[in-house]
Amino acid sequence: MQNIEDKERYINTGRLIHILSNQMKRRNTSEAVGDDGLTTMQKHVLKHILLETMHREVYQKDIEEEFRIRKSTATGILQLMEKNGFISRESSKKDARLKRIVPTPKAEALRPEILEHIRDTEKRLIQGIDQEDVKICRKVLVQMIQNLAENKTENKEEDENDE
């Protein structure tokens, strides 16, 4: 690929984000969690579970929403992770009908490595970039996410009005 700075004038914003996303996915799947027999998707889910359970309970519905997957897909992923000894499901203290997802000691052993990988990736992402520019970039990215979420809602409302 040509020098990215030369191309930045000609590549649309969505494409730049896509390129960055692909680079991060490659880095995350190859380095974040070692060779443990998990699929790429299971690694992403496990990473999410390990990070979120540090400060809240996690349920299957959270996985479905975070990864925008169907209930049946989430069920399959979680069942395999449970079978392979990475998670267990326990009744919630708040509502016994709900099963919270709990990382096992086998999964917990991966948490320090994952946290270190996140810190390293963040450091590499912003290296050589002024802190003020990083703040602006984060603000702009959040706004773009909101714009697309609002657009999705507007399109859904327009579709319903057309009927």
Protein backbone atom coordinates (compact mmCIF):
# COMPACT_ATOMS: atom_id res chain seq x y z
CA MET A 1 0.00 0.00 0.00
CA GLN A 2 1.16 3.51 -0.74
CA ASN A 3 2.06 5.81 2.09
CA ILE A 4 -1.21 6.27 4.03
CA GLU A 5 -0.63 10.02 4.42
CA ASP A 6 -0.61 10.37 0.61
CA LYS A 7 -3.82 8.41 0.34
CA GLU A 8 -5.67 10.03 3.25
CA ARG A 9 -6.88 12.82 0.97
CA TYR A 10 -8.49 10.32 -1.39
CA ILE A 11 -9.79 7.56 0.91
CA ASN A 12 -13.20 8.14 2.43
CA THR A 13 -13.58 8.16 6.20
CA GLY A 14 -15.44 4.86 6.33
CA ARG A 15 -12.64 3.13 4.43
CA LEU A 16 -9.98 4.53 6.79
CA ILE A 17 -11.97 3.26 9.78
CA HIS A 18 -12.37 -0.12 8.06
CA ILE A 19 -8.60 -0.38 7.46
CA LEU A 20 -7.87 0.49 11.10
CA SER A 21 -10.52 -1.97 12.28
CA ASN A 22 -8.99 -4.80 10.24
CA GLN A 23 -5.51 -4.05 11.60
CA MET A 24 -6.84 -4.09 15.16
CA LYS A 25 -8.75 -7.35 14.60
CA ARG A 26 -5.62 -9.03 13.26
CA ARG A 27 -3.59 -7.77 16.20
CA ASN A 28 -6.24 -8.71 18.75
CA THR A 29 -6.88 -12.23 17.53
CA SER A 30 -3.24 -13.15 17.07
CA GLU A 31 -1.82 -11.61 20.22
CA ALA A 32 -4.49 -11.00 22.86
CA VAL A 33 -5.28 -14.57 23.86
CA GLY A 34 -2.77 -17.28 23.07
CA ASP A 35 -3.36 -20.59 21.30
CA ASP A 36 -6.09 -21.93 23.57
CA GLY A 37 -8.37 -23.68 21.12
CA LEU A 38 -10.89 -20.83 20.96
CA THR A 39 -12.31 -19.48 17.72
CA THR A 40 -11.81 -15.81 16.92
CA MET A 41 -15.37 -15.00 17.95
CA GLN A 42 -15.02 -16.94 21.21
CA LYS A 43 -11.84 -14.97 21.96
CA HIS A 44 -13.70 -11.69 21.45
CA VAL A 45 -16.55 -12.85 23.67
CA LEU A 46 -14.18 -14.12 26.36
CA LYS A 47 -12.25 -10.85 26.31
CA HIS A 48 -15.53 -8.95 26.72
CA ILE A 49 -16.64 -11.18 29.58
CA LEU A 50 -13.30 -10.88 31.38
CA LEU A 51 -13.30 -7.10 31.11
CA GLU A 52 -16.95 -6.49 31.98
CA THR A 53 -17.12 -8.88 34.93
CA MET A 54 -14.48 -6.77 36.64
CA HIS A 55 -17.24 -4.27 37.52
CA ARG A 56 -20.66 -5.78 36.75
CA GLU A 57 -22.59 -8.97 36.15
CA VAL A 58 -22.77 -10.16 32.53
CA TYR A 59 -25.70 -12.02 30.98
CA GLN A 60 -26.25 -13.66 27.60
CA LYS A 61 -28.38 -10.68 26.54
CA ASP A 62 -25.32 -8.45 27.04
CA ILE A 63 -23.31 -10.64 24.67
CA GLU A 64 -26.10 -10.57 22.07
CA GLU A 65 -26.26 -6.76 22.20
CA GLU A 66 -22.49 -6.14 22.33
CA PHE A 67 -21.74 -8.33 19.32
CA ARG A 68 -25.08 -7.78 17.57
CA ILE A 69 -25.71 -11.50 17.26
CA ARG A 70 -28.85 -13.61 17.51
CA LYS A 71 -29.80 -15.45 20.66
CA SER A 72 -29.11 -18.83 19.03
CA THR A 73 -25.62 -17.73 17.96
CA ALA A 74 -24.80 -16.45 21.45
CA THR A 75 -26.14 -19.66 22.97
CA GLY A 76 -23.87 -21.78 20.75
CA ILE A 77 -20.78 -19.69 21.51
CA LEU A 78 -21.42 -19.71 25.26
CA GLN A 79 -22.20 -23.44 25.36
CA LEU A 80 -18.86 -24.25 23.69
CA MET A 81 -17.01 -21.89 26.01
CA GLU A 82 -18.70 -23.57 28.98
CA LYS A 83 -17.87 -27.04 27.64
CA ASN A 84 -14.21 -25.99 27.18
CA GLY A 85 -14.02 -24.72 30.76
CA PHE A 86 -13.79 -20.95 30.18
CA ILE A 87 -17.12 -19.90 31.68
CA SER A 88 -19.85 -21.14 33.94
CA ARG A 89 -23.41 -19.95 34.34
CA GLU A 90 -24.76 -19.18 37.77
CA SER A 91 -28.11 -17.92 38.97
CA SER A 92 -28.16 -14.17 39.41
CA LYS A 93 -28.39 -12.87 42.95
CA LYS A 94 -30.93 -10.29 41.74
CA ASP A 95 -33.16 -12.63 39.71
CA ALA A 96 -32.82 -16.41 39.96
CA ARG A 97 -34.38 -16.81 36.49
CA LEU A 98 -31.35 -15.09 34.94
CA LYS A 99 -28.04 -16.88 34.53
CA ARG A 100 -25.01 -14.68 34.84
CA ILE A 101 -21.87 -15.60 32.92
CA VAL A 102 -18.89 -16.14 35.18
CA PRO A 103 -15.32 -16.66 33.99
CA THR A 104 -13.68 -19.79 35.40
CA PRO A 105 -10.18 -19.78 36.95
CA LYS A 106 -8.92 -21.02 33.55
CA ALA A 107 -10.30 -17.86 31.93
CA GLU A 108 -9.28 -15.62 34.84
CA ALA A 109 -5.68 -16.68 34.28
CA LEU A 110 -5.86 -14.96 30.87
CA ARG A 111 -7.06 -11.59 32.27
CA PRO A 112 -3.60 -10.08 33.05
CA GLU A 113 -2.36 -10.94 29.55
CA ILE A 114 -5.47 -9.39 27.97
CA LEU A 115 -5.23 -6.22 30.06
CA GLU A 116 -1.56 -5.85 29.17
CA HIS A 117 -2.39 -6.34 25.49
CA ILE A 118 -5.05 -3.61 25.68
CA ARG A 119 -2.61 -1.19 27.34
CA ASP A 120 0.04 -1.96 24.72
CA THR A 121 -2.40 -1.54 21.84
CA GLU A 122 -3.66 1.78 23.21
CA LYS A 123 -0.08 2.99 23.59
CA ARG A 124 0.76 2.01 20.01
CA LEU A 125 -2.45 3.55 18.63
CA ILE A 126 -1.73 6.99 20.05
CA GLN A 127 2.07 7.02 19.86
CA GLY A 128 3.31 10.27 18.33
CA ILE A 129 -0.15 11.88 18.49
CA ASP A 130 -0.77 14.98 20.61
CA GLN A 131 -3.12 14.32 23.57
CA GLU A 132 -5.49 17.04 22.38
CA ASP A 133 -5.72 15.36 18.95
CA VAL A 134 -6.46 12.02 20.64
CA LYS A 135 -9.30 13.65 22.62
CA ILE A 136 -10.71 15.19 19.44
CA CYS A 137 -10.43 11.89 17.57
CA ARG A 138 -12.29 10.02 20.32
CA LYS A 139 -15.00 12.69 20.40
CA VAL A 140 -15.40 12.53 16.61
CA LEU A 141 -15.52 8.71 16.57
CA VAL A 142 -18.21 8.68 19.26
CA GLN A 143 -20.21 11.24 17.27
CA MET A 144 -19.89 9.09 14.12
CA ILE A 145 -21.17 6.06 16.04
CA GLN A 146 -24.12 8.10 17.28
CA ASN A 147 -24.78 9.46 13.77
CA LEU A 148 -25.00 5.96 12.35
CA ALA A 149 -27.16 4.75 15.24
CA GLU A 150 -29.53 7.70 14.75
CA ASN A 151 -29.58 7.10 11.01
CA LYS A 152 -30.54 3.46 11.62
CA THR A 153 -33.39 4.58 13.89
CA GLU A 154 -34.56 7.17 11.33
CA ASN A 155 -34.49 4.59 8.52
CA LYS A 156 -36.51 2.16 10.63
CA GLU A 157 -39.11 4.88 11.34
CA GLU A 158 -39.26 5.81 7.63
CA ASP A 159 -39.80 2.14 6.70
CA GLU A 160 -42.64 1.87 9.22
CA ASN A 161 -44.25 5.08 7.89
CA ASP A 162 -44.08 3.77 4.30
CA GLU A 163 -46.26 0.79 5.21
